[in-house]
Amino acid sequence: MTWGFEDWDFWIGAAEYGYVGRRIPEPLFKYRVRKNSMFAAALSHESELRRQLALNHPNVFTIHRRTRRFIRRVRRAASRLR
């Protein structure tokens, strides 16, 4: 994860091993985004990073790809009925 999203990679991996997160209702730190920050660089490579996340965690993202394909097929079939 050269350009960023390493935190996403960590949390997805933790979830794969069965760890569960919990919401904490109060802010514990302030997150600041600057024009030339790592986050800004990551956003310019977002599609690459999301693809890498899917490659790093195929068991998590396979379900979503299948679901998207199914939805596309249903929409195509529905448009043919009109």
Foldseek 3Di string as FASTA:
>chain_A
DVLDPVVVLVVVVCVVVPDDDDDDPDDPDDDDDDCPDSVVSCVVVVVVVVVVSCVSCVVVCVVVVVVVVVVVVVVVVVVVVD
